[in-house]
């Protein structure tokens, strides 16, 4: 029973972490002008907020329903994957900000 409460708490914490990363300046700057623009960010945010409400309810129901428990485990895994993906985006954004793609040569190109 204690393990089930921990899973629910981890899922809620993971949702909060992913929501914070979606709002980070690095993420927003990285997706600006790409197909992953602000509209997608808003859709992801809304989906995660709705999921957060479902998780709060599912935490209580998982004790009597194995399917709910499996759903929470699956959601936790998906959130870890999303967090890893957002880590990659943040790293790429940091690299791009430090090393711009266009390098100015000291002499004219031939």
PDB file of N, CA and C in Angstrom:
ATOM      1  N   UNK A   1       0.824  -1.187   0.000  1.00  0.00           N
ATOM      2  CA  UNK A   1       0.000   0.000   0.000  1.00  0.00           C
ATOM      3  C   UNK A   1       0.869   1.252   0.000  1.00  0.00           C
ATOM      4  N   UNK A   2       1.918   1.247   0.788  1.00  0.00           N
ATOM      5  CA  UNK A   2       2.809   2.409   0.827  1.00  0.00           C
ATOM      6  C   UNK A   2       3.485   2.611  -0.516  1.00  0.00           C
ATOM      7  N   UNK A   3       3.822   1.499  -1.182  1.00  0.00           N
ATOM      8  CA  UNK A   3       4.453   1.596  -2.503  1.00  0.00           C
ATOM      9  C   UNK A   3       3.502   2.246  -3.501  1.00  0.00           C
ATOM     10  N   UNK A   4       2.228   1.939  -3.424  1.00  0.00           N
ATOM     11  CA  UNK A   4       1.246   2.527  -4.325  1.00  0.00           C
ATOM     12  C   UNK A   4       1.138   4.028  -4.111  1.00  0.00           C
ATOM     13  N   UNK A   5       1.188   4.465  -2.865  1.00  0.00           N
ATOM     14  CA  UNK A   5       1.147   5.897  -2.586  1.00  0.00           C
ATOM     15  C   UNK A   5       2.384   6.595  -3.142  1.00  0.00           C
ATOM     16  N   UNK A   6       3.516   5.909  -3.068  1.00  0.00           N
ATOM     17  CA  UNK A   6       4.754   6.474  -3.602  1.00  0.00           C
ATOM     18  C   UNK A   6       4.665   6.625  -5.111  1.00  0.00           C
ATOM     19  N   UNK A   7       4.096   5.627  -5.800  1.00  0.00           N
ATOM     20  CA  UNK A   7       3.945   5.700  -7.257  1.00  0.00           C
ATOM     21  C   UNK A   7       3.092   6.905  -7.624  1.00  0.00           C
ATOM     22  N   UNK A   8       1.984   7.098  -6.942  1.00  0.00           N
ATOM     23  CA  UNK A   8       1.120   8.244  -7.214  1.00  0.00           C
ATOM     24  C   UNK A   8       1.833   9.558  -6.964  1.00  0.00           C
ATOM     25  N   UNK A   9       2.583   9.638  -5.881  1.00  0.00           N
ATOM     26  CA  UNK A   9       3.327  10.856  -5.572  1.00  0.00           C
ATOM     27  C   UNK A   9       4.409  11.114  -6.621  1.00  0.00           C
ATOM     28  N   UNK A  10       5.071  10.049  -7.071  1.00  0.00           N
ATOM     29  CA  UNK A  10       6.092  10.212  -8.107  1.00  0.00           C
ATOM     30  C   UNK A  10       5.483  10.694  -9.417  1.00  0.00           C
ATOM     31  N   UNK A  11       4.324  10.171  -9.760  1.00  0.00           N
ATOM     32  CA  UNK A  11       3.657  10.589 -10.992  1.00  0.00           C
ATOM     33  C   UNK A  11       3.284  12.065 -10.899  1.00  0.00           C
ATOM     34  N   UNK A  12       2.716  12.480  -9.773  1.00  0.00           N
ATOM     35  CA  UNK A  12       2.347  13.888  -9.611  1.00  0.00           C
ATOM     36  C   UNK A  12       3.585  14.790  -9.659  1.00  0.00           C
ATOM     37  N   UNK A  13       4.663  14.363  -9.022  1.00  0.00           N
ATOM     38  CA  UNK A  13       5.898  15.150  -9.056  1.00  0.00           C
ATOM     39  C   UNK A  13       6.468  15.216 -10.471  1.00  0.00           C
ATOM     40  N   UNK A  14       6.387  14.107 -11.192  1.00  0.00           N
ATOM     41  CA  UNK A  14       6.891  14.079 -12.569  1.00  0.00           C
ATOM     42  C   UNK A  14       6.080  15.000 -13.471  1.00  0.00           C
ATOM     43  N   UNK A  15       4.773  15.025 -13.272  1.00  0.00           N
ATOM     44  CA  UNK A  15       3.930  15.926 -14.065  1.00  0.00           C
ATOM     45  C   UNK A  15       4.337  17.373 -13.797  1.00  0.00           C
ATOM     46  N   UNK A  16       4.543  17.712 -12.544  1.00  0.00           N
ATOM     47  CA  UNK A  16       4.955  19.079 -12.202  1.00  0.00           C
ATOM     48  C   UNK A  16       6.298  19.418 -12.829  1.00  0.00           C
ATOM     49  N   UNK A  17       7.221  18.470 -12.801  1.00  0.00           N
ATOM     50  CA  UNK A  17       8.542  18.695 -13.392  1.00  0.00           C
ATOM     51  C   UNK A  17       8.434  18.925 -14.894  1.00  0.00           C
ATOM     52  N   UNK A  18       7.662  18.091 -15.570  1.00  0.00           N
ATOM     53  CA  UNK A  18       7.508  18.237 -17.022  1.00  0.00           C
ATOM     54  C   UNK A  18       6.806  19.564 -17.339  1.00  0.00           C
ATOM     55  N   UNK A  19       5.808  19.940 -16.567  1.00  0.00           N
ATOM     56  CA  UNK A  19       5.133  21.224 -16.779  1.00  0.00           C
ATOM     57  C   UNK A  19       6.114  22.389 -16.638  1.00  0.00           C
ATOM     58  N   UNK A  20       6.971  22.331 -15.626  1.00  0.00           N
ATOM     59  CA  UNK A  20       7.966  23.396 -15.433  1.00  0.00           C
ATOM     60  C   UNK A  20       8.941  23.452 -16.598  1.00  0.00           C
ATOM     61  N   UNK A  21       9.349  22.311 -17.087  1.00  0.00           N
ATOM     62  CA  UNK A  21      10.292  22.288 -18.207  1.00  0.00           C
ATOM     63  C   UNK A  21       9.654  22.800 -19.491  1.00  0.00           C
ATOM     64  N   UNK A  22       8.368  22.544 -19.674  1.00  0.00           N
ATOM     65  CA  UNK A  22       7.672  23.056 -20.856  1.00  0.00           C
ATOM     66  C   UNK A  22       7.606  24.584 -20.842  1.00  0.00           C
ATOM     67  N   UNK A  23       7.645  25.172 -19.653  1.00  0.00           N
ATOM     68  CA  UNK A  23       7.586  26.631 -19.542  1.00  0.00           C
ATOM     69  C   UNK A  23       8.962  27.269 -19.508  1.00  0.00           C
ATOM     70  N   UNK A  24      10.001  26.465 -19.526  1.00  0.00           N
ATOM     71  CA  UNK A  24      11.343  27.023 -19.395  1.00  0.00           C
ATOM     72  C   UNK A  24      11.702  27.859 -20.620  1.00  0.00           C
ATOM     73  N   UNK A  25      12.470  28.927 -20.416  1.00  0.00           N
ATOM     74  CA  UNK A  25      12.884  29.760 -21.548  1.00  0.00           C
ATOM     75  C   UNK A  25      13.664  28.962 -22.598  1.00  0.00           C
ATOM     76  N   UNK A  26      14.447  27.996 -22.155  1.00  0.00           N
ATOM     77  CA  UNK A  26      15.222  27.186 -23.097  1.00  0.00           C
ATOM     78  C   UNK A  26      14.303  26.415 -24.039  1.00  0.00           C
ATOM     79  N   UNK A  27      13.264  25.788 -23.478  1.00  0.00           N
ATOM     80  CA  UNK A  27      12.345  25.014 -24.306  1.00  0.00           C
ATOM     81  C   UNK A  27      11.595  25.921 -25.261  1.00  0.00           C
ATOM     82  N   UNK A  28      11.064  27.029 -24.741  1.00  0.00           N
ATOM     83  CA  UNK A  28      10.278  27.929 -25.580  1.00  0.00           C
ATOM     84  C   UNK A  28      11.126  28.532 -26.690  1.00  0.00           C
ATOM     85  N   UNK A  29      12.378  28.866 -26.390  1.00  0.00           N
ATOM     86  CA  UNK A  29      13.259  29.419 -27.413  1.00  0.00           C
ATOM     87  C   UNK A  29      13.597  28.355 -28.462  1.00  0.00           C
ATOM     88  N   UNK A  30      13.793  27.126 -28.015  1.00  0.00           N
ATOM     89  CA  UNK A  30      14.164  26.045 -28.920  1.00  0.00           C
ATOM     90  C   UNK A  30      13.047  25.739 -29.919  1.00  0.00           C
ATOM     91  N   UNK A  31      11.797  25.744 -29.453  1.00  0.00           N
ATOM     92  CA  UNK A  31      10.693  25.376 -30.334  1.00  0.00           C
ATOM     93  C   UNK A  31      10.139  26.557 -31.123  1.00  0.00           C
ATOM     94  N   UNK A  32      10.574  27.764 -30.803  1.00  0.00           N
ATOM     95  CA  UNK A  32      10.077  28.948 -31.506  1.00  0.00           C
ATOM     96  C   UNK A  32      10.419  28.836 -32.995  1.00  0.00           C
ATOM     97  N   UNK A  33       9.422  29.013 -33.829  1.00  0.00           N
ATOM     98  CA  UNK A  33       9.630  28.959 -35.266  1.00  0.00           C
ATOM     99  C   UNK A  33       9.675  27.551 -35.833  1.00  0.00           C
ATOM    100  N   UNK A  34       9.458  26.546 -35.008  1.00  0.00           N
ATOM    101  CA  UNK A  34       9.429  25.164 -35.487  1.00  0.00           C
ATOM    102  C   UNK A  34       7.986  24.665 -35.460  1.00  0.00           C
ATOM    103  N   UNK A  35       7.796  23.482 -35.938  1.00  0.00           N
ATOM    104  CA  UNK A  35       6.454  22.895 -35.931  1.00  0.00           C
ATOM    105  C   UNK A  35       5.961  22.668 -34.511  1.00  0.00           C
ATOM    106  N   UNK A  36       6.857  22.705 -33.555  1.00  0.00           N
ATOM    107  CA  UNK A  36       6.499  22.480 -32.159  1.00  0.00           C
ATOM    108  C   UNK A  36       6.233  23.798 -31.448  1.00  0.00           C
ATOM    109  N   UNK A  37       5.570  24.717 -32.084  1.00  0.00           N
ATOM    110  CA  UNK A  37       5.388  26.064 -31.565  1.00  0.00           C
ATOM    111  C   UNK A  37       4.544  26.155 -30.308  1.00  0.00           C
ATOM    112  N   UNK A  38       4.152  27.376 -29.977  1.00  0.00           N
ATOM    113  CA  UNK A  38       3.414  27.640 -28.743  1.00  0.00           C
ATOM    114  C   UNK A  38       2.088  26.889 -28.654  1.00  0.00           C
ATOM    115  N   UNK A  39       1.449  26.627 -29.790  1.00  0.00           N
ATOM    116  CA  UNK A  39       0.168  25.906 -29.753  1.00  0.00           C
ATOM    117  C   UNK A  39       0.357  24.498 -29.193  1.00  0.00           C
ATOM    118  N   UNK A  40       1.425  23.837 -29.621  1.00  0.00           N
ATOM    119  CA  UNK A  40       1.699  22.490 -29.107  1.00  0.00           C
ATOM    120  C   UNK A  40       2.042  22.552 -27.625  1.00  0.00           C
ATOM    121  N   UNK A  41       2.797  23.543 -27.232  1.00  0.00           N
ATOM    122  CA  UNK A  41       3.159  23.699 -25.815  1.00  0.00           C
ATOM    123  C   UNK A  41       1.897  23.856 -24.970  1.00  0.00           C
ATOM    124  N   UNK A  42       0.939  24.647 -25.444  1.00  0.00           N
ATOM    125  CA  UNK A  42      -0.325  24.827 -24.713  1.00  0.00           C
ATOM    126  C   UNK A  42      -1.112  23.522 -24.642  1.00  0.00           C
ATOM    127  N   UNK A  43      -1.142  22.771 -25.750  1.00  0.00           N
ATOM    128  CA  UNK A  43      -1.862  21.491 -25.751  1.00  0.00           C
ATOM    129  C   UNK A  43      -1.226  20.498 -24.779  1.00  0.00           C
ATOM    130  N   UNK A  44       0.100  20.443 -24.784  1.00  0.00           N
ATOM    131  CA  UNK A  44       0.794  19.550 -23.846  1.00  0.00           C
ATOM    132  C   UNK A  44       0.509  19.950 -22.401  1.00  0.00           C
ATOM    133  N   UNK A  45       0.571  21.254 -22.144  1.00  0.00           N
ATOM    134  CA  UNK A  45       0.314  21.755 -20.793  1.00  0.00           C
ATOM    135  C   UNK A  45      -1.108  21.390 -20.344  1.00  0.00           C
ATOM    136  N   UNK A  46      -2.099  21.611 -21.215  1.00  0.00           N
ATOM    137  CA  UNK A  46      -3.486  21.294 -20.861  1.00  0.00           C
ATOM    138  C   UNK A  46      -3.667  19.794 -20.614  1.00  0.00           C
ATOM    139  N   UNK A  47      -3.042  18.970 -21.453  1.00  0.00           N
ATOM    140  CA  UNK A  47      -3.145  17.516 -21.270  1.00  0.00           C
ATOM    141  C   UNK A  47      -2.522  17.089 -19.947  1.00  0.00           C
ATOM    142  N   UNK A  48      -1.389  17.683 -19.613  1.00  0.00           N
ATOM    143  CA  UNK A  48      -0.731  17.321 -18.349  1.00  0.00           C
ATOM    144  C   UNK A  48      -1.532  17.792 -17.140  1.00  0.00           C
ATOM    145  N   UNK A  49      -2.138  18.964 -17.230  1.00  0.00           N
ATOM    146  CA  UNK A  49      -2.972  19.441 -16.123  1.00  0.00           C
ATOM    147  C   UNK A  49      -4.189  18.541 -15.929  1.00  0.00           C
ATOM    148  N   UNK A  50      -4.800  18.105 -17.021  1.00  0.00           N
ATOM    149  CA  UNK A  50      -5.936  17.188 -16.922  1.00  0.00           C
ATOM    150  C   UNK A  50      -5.493  15.850 -16.341  1.00  0.00           C
ATOM    151  N   UNK A  51      -4.327  15.392 -16.760  1.00  0.00           N
ATOM    152  CA  UNK A  51      -3.790  14.127 -16.249  1.00  0.00           C
ATOM    153  C   UNK A  51      -3.509  14.222 -14.758  1.00  0.00           C
ATOM    154  N   UNK A  52      -3.045  15.381 -14.326  1.00  0.00           N
ATOM    155  CA  UNK A  52      -2.760  15.584 -12.903  1.00  0.00           C
ATOM    156  C   UNK A  52      -4.024  15.375 -12.067  1.00  0.00           C
ATOM    157  N   UNK A  53      -5.143  15.873 -12.558  1.00  0.00           N
ATOM    158  CA  UNK A  53      -6.414  15.685 -11.847  1.00  0.00           C
ATOM    159  C   UNK A  53      -6.806  14.202 -11.818  1.00  0.00           C
ATOM    160  N   UNK A  54      -6.592  13.507 -12.934  1.00  0.00           N
ATOM    161  CA  UNK A  54      -6.901  12.081 -12.978  1.00  0.00           C
ATOM    162  C   UNK A  54      -6.012  11.278 -12.027  1.00  0.00           C
ATOM    163  N   UNK A  55      -4.765  11.652 -11.935  1.00  0.00           N
ATOM    164  CA  UNK A  55      -3.830  10.928 -11.061  1.00  0.00           C
ATOM    165  C   UNK A  55      -4.255  11.050  -9.609  1.00  0.00           C
ATOM    166  N   UNK A  56      -4.677  12.231  -9.214  1.00  0.00           N
ATOM    167  CA  UNK A  56      -5.114  12.416  -7.827  1.00  0.00           C
ATOM    168  C   UNK A  56      -6.256  11.454  -7.494  1.00  0.00           C
ATOM    169  N   UNK A  57      -7.192  11.266  -8.416  1.00  0.00           N
ATOM    170  CA  UNK A  57      -8.298  10.342  -8.213  1.00  0.00           C
ATOM    171  C   UNK A  57      -7.813   8.890  -8.294  1.00  0.00           C
ATOM    172  N   UNK A  58      -6.931   8.609  -9.250  1.00  0.00           N
ATOM    173  CA  UNK A  58      -6.445   7.240  -9.462  1.00  0.00           C
ATOM    174  C   UNK A  58      -5.633   6.737  -8.277  1.00  0.00           C
ATOM    175  N   UNK A  59      -4.972   7.637  -7.563  1.00  0.00           N
ATOM    176  CA  UNK A  59      -4.191   7.216  -6.391  1.00  0.00           C
ATOM    177  C   UNK A  59      -5.056   6.445  -5.408  1.00  0.00           C
ATOM    178  N   UNK A  60      -6.268   6.900  -5.198  1.00  0.00           N
ATOM    179  CA  UNK A  60      -7.173   6.241  -4.255  1.00  0.00           C
ATOM    180  C   UNK A  60      -7.775   4.963  -4.832  1.00  0.00           C
ATOM    181  N   UNK A  61      -8.027   4.946  -6.128  1.00  0.00           N
ATOM    182  CA  UNK A  61      -8.690   3.802  -6.760  1.00  0.00           C
ATOM    183  C   UNK A  61      -7.751   2.644  -7.068  1.00  0.00           C
ATOM    184  N   UNK A  62      -6.444   2.887  -7.060  1.00  0.00           N
ATOM    185  CA  UNK A  62      -5.510   1.837  -7.444  1.00  0.00           C
ATOM    186  C   UNK A  62      -5.485   0.670  -6.461  1.00  0.00           C
ATOM    187  N   UNK A  63      -5.918   0.892  -5.246  1.00  0.00           N
ATOM    188  CA  UNK A  63      -5.868  -0.177  -4.247  1.00  0.00           C
ATOM    189  C   UNK A  63      -6.854  -1.289  -4.545  1.00  0.00           C
ATOM    190  N   UNK A  64      -7.958  -0.969  -5.187  1.00  0.00           N
ATOM    191  CA  UNK A  64      -8.946  -1.992  -5.498  1.00  0.00           C
ATOM    192  C   UNK A  64      -8.991  -2.364  -6.966  1.00  0.00           C
ATOM    193  N   UNK A  65      -8.137  -1.744  -7.771  1.00  0.00           N
ATOM    194  CA  UNK A  65      -8.221  -1.977  -9.205  1.00  0.00           C
ATOM    195  C   UNK A  65      -6.816  -2.062  -9.801  1.00  0.00           C
ATOM    196  N   UNK A  66      -6.447  -3.253 -10.217  1.00  0.00           N
ATOM    197  CA  UNK A  66      -5.108  -3.486 -10.778  1.00  0.00           C
ATOM    198  C   UNK A  66      -4.892  -2.705 -12.076  1.00  0.00           C
ATOM    199  N   UNK A  67      -5.958  -2.514 -12.859  1.00  0.00           N
ATOM    200  CA  UNK A  67      -5.831  -1.764 -14.110  1.00  0.00           C
ATOM    201  C   UNK A  67      -5.434  -0.310 -13.852  1.00  0.00           C
ATOM    202  N   UNK A  68      -5.975   0.262 -12.801  1.00  0.00           N
ATOM    203  CA  UNK A  68      -5.615   1.641 -12.448  1.00  0.00           C
ATOM    204  C   UNK A  68      -4.154   1.689 -12.034  1.00  0.00           C
ATOM    205  N   UNK A  69      -3.736   0.710 -11.284  1.00  0.00           N
ATOM    206  CA  UNK A  69      -2.329   0.630 -10.852  1.00  0.00           C
ATOM    207  C   UNK A  69      -1.397   0.524 -12.069  1.00  0.00           C
ATOM    208  N   UNK A  70      -1.770  -0.325 -13.027  1.00  0.00           N
ATOM    209  CA  UNK A  70      -0.964  -0.477 -14.243  1.00  0.00           C
ATOM    210  C   UNK A  70      -0.933   0.826 -15.046  1.00  0.00           C
ATOM    211  N   UNK A  71      -2.071   1.534 -15.086  1.00  0.00           N
ATOM    212  CA  UNK A  71      -2.123   2.809 -15.792  1.00  0.00           C
ATOM    213  C   UNK A  71      -1.175   3.820 -15.143  1.00  0.00           C
ATOM    214  N   UNK A  72      -1.175   3.868 -13.829  1.00  0.00           N
ATOM    215  CA  UNK A  72      -0.275   4.782 -13.122  1.00  0.00           C
ATOM    216  C   UNK A  72       1.188   4.435 -13.403  1.00  0.00           C
ATOM    217  N   UNK A  73       1.505   3.152 -13.417  1.00  0.00           N
ATOM    218  CA  UNK A  73       2.880   2.737 -13.725  1.00  0.00           C
ATOM    219  C   UNK A  73       3.269   3.131 -15.146  1.00  0.00           C
ATOM    220  N   UNK A  74       2.347   2.920 -16.077  1.00  0.00           N
ATOM    221  CA  UNK A  74       2.605   3.271 -17.469  1.00  0.00           C
ATOM    222  C   UNK A  74       2.764   4.780 -17.639  1.00  0.00           C
ATOM    223  N   UNK A  75       1.936   5.534 -16.963  1.00  0.00           N
ATOM    224  CA  UNK A  75       2.021   6.994 -17.011  1.00  0.00           C
ATOM    225  C   UNK A  75       3.346   7.471 -16.423  1.00  0.00           C
ATOM    226  N   UNK A  76       3.758   6.866 -15.341  1.00  0.00           N
ATOM    227  CA  UNK A  76       5.040   7.222 -14.724  1.00  0.00           C
ATOM    228  C   UNK A  76       6.183   6.995 -15.716  1.00  0.00           C
ATOM    229  N   UNK A  77       6.167   5.859 -16.392  1.00  0.00           N
ATOM    230  CA  UNK A  77       7.207   5.575 -17.387  1.00  0.00           C
ATOM    231  C   UNK A  77       7.184   6.595 -18.525  1.00  0.00           C
ATOM    232  N   UNK A  78       5.983   6.956 -18.990  1.00  0.00           N
ATOM    233  CA  UNK A  78       5.862   7.942 -20.072  1.00  0.00           C
ATOM    234  C   UNK A  78       6.383   9.305 -19.626  1.00  0.00           C
ATOM    235  N   UNK A  79       6.128   9.661 -18.379  1.00  0.00           N
ATOM    236  CA  UNK A  79       6.614  10.952 -17.875  1.00  0.00           C
ATOM    237  C   UNK A  79       8.132  10.961 -17.739  1.00  0.00           C
ATOM    238  N   UNK A  80       8.711   9.838 -17.355  1.00  0.00           N
ATOM    239  CA  UNK A  80      10.179   9.764 -17.298  1.00  0.00           C
ATOM    240  C   UNK A  80      10.765   9.936 -18.700  1.00  0.00           C
ATOM    241  N   UNK A  81      10.115   9.332 -19.704  1.00  0.00           N
ATOM    242  CA  UNK A  81      10.574   9.478 -21.078  1.00  0.00           C
ATOM    243  C   UNK A  81      10.444  10.928 -21.537  1.00  0.00           C
ATOM    244  N   UNK A  82       9.324  11.565 -21.203  1.00  0.00           N
ATOM    245  CA  UNK A  82       9.128  12.979 -21.559  1.00  0.00           C
ATOM    246  C   UNK A  82      10.179  13.850 -20.885  1.00  0.00           C
ATOM    247  N   UNK A  83      10.493  13.558 -19.646  1.00  0.00           N
ATOM    248  CA  UNK A  83      11.515  14.320 -18.935  1.00  0.00           C
ATOM    249  C   UNK A  83      12.882  14.150 -19.606  1.00  0.00           C
ATOM    250  N   UNK A  84      13.195  12.927 -20.015  1.00  0.00           N
ATOM    251  CA  UNK A  84      14.456  12.685 -20.729  1.00  0.00           C
ATOM    252  C   UNK A  84      14.499  13.457 -22.042  1.00  0.00           C
ATOM    253  N   UNK A  85      13.384  13.476 -22.768  1.00  0.00           N
ATOM    254  CA  UNK A  85      13.305  14.213 -24.022  1.00  0.00           C
ATOM    255  C   UNK A  85      13.502  15.711 -23.788  1.00  0.00           C
ATOM    256  N   UNK A  86      12.872  16.235 -22.746  1.00  0.00           N
ATOM    257  CA  UNK A  86      13.032  17.652 -22.436  1.00  0.00           C
ATOM    258  C   UNK A  86      14.457  17.970 -21.985  1.00  0.00           C
ATOM    259  N   UNK A  87      15.123  17.011 -21.348  1.00  0.00           N
ATOM    260  CA  UNK A  87      16.550  17.185 -21.028  1.00  0.00           C
ATOM    261  C   UNK A  87      17.352  17.365 -22.309  1.00  0.00           C
ATOM    262  N   UNK A  88      17.081  16.536 -23.299  1.00  0.00           N
ATOM    263  CA  UNK A  88      17.788  16.631 -24.586  1.00  0.00           C
ATOM    264  C   UNK A  88      17.532  17.974 -25.247  1.00  0.00           C
ATOM    265  N   UNK A  89      16.294  18.438 -25.213  1.00  0.00           N
ATOM    266  CA  UNK A  89      15.956  19.728 -25.805  1.00  0.00           C
ATOM    267  C   UNK A  89      16.715  20.839 -25.083  1.00  0.00           C
ATOM    268  N   UNK A  90      16.758  20.769 -23.768  1.00  0.00           N
ATOM    269  CA  UNK A  90      17.451  21.803 -22.988  1.00  0.00           C
ATOM    270  C   UNK A  90      18.950  21.801 -23.304  1.00  0.00           C
ATOM    271  N   UNK A  91      19.542  20.638 -23.417  1.00  0.00           N
ATOM    272  CA  UNK A  91      20.972  20.546 -23.734  1.00  0.00           C
ATOM    273  C   UNK A  91      21.240  21.109 -25.126  1.00  0.00           C
ATOM    274  N   UNK A  92      20.406  20.751 -26.106  1.00  0.00           N
ATOM    275  CA  UNK A  92      20.585  21.283 -27.459  1.00  0.00           C
ATOM    276  C   UNK A  92      20.430  22.794 -27.482  1.00  0.00           C
ATOM    277  N   UNK A  93      19.468  23.296 -26.741  1.00  0.00           N
ATOM    278  CA  UNK A  93      19.251  24.745 -26.698  1.00  0.00           C
ATOM    279  C   UNK A  93      20.459  25.451 -26.092  1.00  0.00           C
ATOM    280  N   UNK A  94      21.028  24.872 -25.045  1.00  0.00           N
ATOM    281  CA  UNK A  94      22.212  25.472 -24.424  1.00  0.00           C
ATOM    282  C   UNK A  94      23.404  25.447 -25.369  1.00  0.00           C
ATOM    283  N   UNK A  95      23.575  24.350 -26.078  1.00  0.00           N
ATOM    284  CA  UNK A  95      24.684  24.251 -27.031  1.00  0.00           C
ATOM    285  C   UNK A  95      24.505  25.283 -28.148  1.00  0.00           C
ATOM    286  N   UNK A  96      23.289  25.394 -28.666  1.00  0.00           N
ATOM    287  CA  UNK A  96      23.034  26.350 -29.754  1.00  0.00           C
ATOM    288  C   UNK A  96      23.234  27.787 -29.296  1.00  0.00           C
ATOM    289  N   UNK A  97      22.931  28.079 -28.045  1.00  0.00           N
ATOM    290  CA  UNK A  97      23.116  29.448 -27.578  1.00  0.00           C
ATOM    291  C   UNK A  97      24.593  29.779 -27.397  1.00  0.00           C
ATOM    292  N   UNK A  98      25.413  28.776 -27.103  1.00  0.00           N
ATOM    293  CA  UNK A  98      26.849  29.005 -26.911  1.00  0.00           C
ATOM    294  C   UNK A  98      27.627  28.913 -28.210  1.00  0.00           C
ATOM    295  N   UNK A  99      27.145  28.108 -29.144  1.00  0.00           N
ATOM    296  CA  UNK A  99      27.836  27.900 -30.417  1.00  0.00           C
ATOM    297  C   UNK A  99      26.858  28.114 -31.568  1.00  0.00           C
ATOM    298  N   UNK A 100      26.699  29.355 -32.009  1.00  0.00           N
ATOM    299  CA  UNK A 100      25.763  29.623 -33.107  1.00  0.00           C
ATOM    300  C   UNK A 100      26.138  28.825 -34.357  1.00  0.00           C
ATOM    301  N   UNK A 101      25.141  28.530 -35.161  1.00  0.00           N
ATOM    302  CA  UNK A 101      25.360  27.715 -36.350  1.00  0.00           C
ATOM    303  C   UNK A 101      26.150  28.441 -37.427  1.00  0.00           C
ATOM    304  N   UNK A 102      26.001  29.732 -37.506  1.00  0.00           N
ATOM    305  CA  UNK A 102      26.738  30.475 -38.527  1.00  0.00           C
ATOM    306  C   UNK A 102      28.021  31.036 -37.908  1.00  0.00           C
ATOM    307  N   UNK A 103      29.121  30.613 -38.436  1.00  0.00           N
ATOM    308  CA  UNK A 103      30.428  31.056 -37.951  1.00  0.00           C
ATOM    309  C   UNK A 103      30.992  32.034 -38.970  1.00  0.00           C
ATOM    310  N   UNK A 104      31.379  33.173 -38.492  1.00  0.00           N
ATOM    311  CA  UNK A 104      31.917  34.187 -39.380  1.00  0.00           C
ATOM    312  C   UNK A 104      33.402  33.906 -39.618  1.00  0.00           C
ATOM    313  N   UNK A 105      33.770  33.781 -40.889  1.00  0.00           N
ATOM    314  CA  UNK A 105      35.169  33.525 -41.235  1.00  0.00           C
ATOM    315  C   UNK A 105      35.928  34.850 -41.289  1.00  0.00           C
ATOM    316  N   UNK A 106      37.211  34.835 -40.950  1.00  0.00           N
ATOM    317  CA  UNK A 106      37.979  36.087 -40.944  1.00  0.00           C
ATOM    318  C   UNK A 106      38.297  36.594 -42.344  1.00  0.00           C
ATOM    319  N   UNK A 107      38.056  35.802 -43.371  1.00  0.00           N
ATOM    320  CA  UNK A 107      38.354  36.192 -44.747  1.00  0.00           C
ATOM    321  C   UNK A 107      37.141  35.860 -45.616  1.00  0.00           C
ATOM    322  N   UNK A 108      36.985  36.522 -46.750  1.00  0.00           N
ATOM    323  CA  UNK A 108      35.825  36.240 -47.604  1.00  0.00           C
ATOM    324  C   UNK A 108      35.887  34.845 -48.207  1.00  0.00           C
ATOM    325  N   UNK A 109      34.746  34.225 -48.337  1.00  0.00           N
ATOM    326  CA  UNK A 109      34.678  32.886 -48.958  1.00  0.00           C
ATOM    327  C   UNK A 109      34.838  33.019 -50.453  1.00  0.00           C
ATOM    328  N   UNK A 110      35.457  32.056 -51.060  1.00  0.00           N
ATOM    329  CA  UNK A 110      35.711  32.079 -52.514  1.00  0.00           C
ATOM    330  C   UNK A 110      34.605  31.382 -53.238  1.00  0.00           C
TER     331      UNK A 110
END
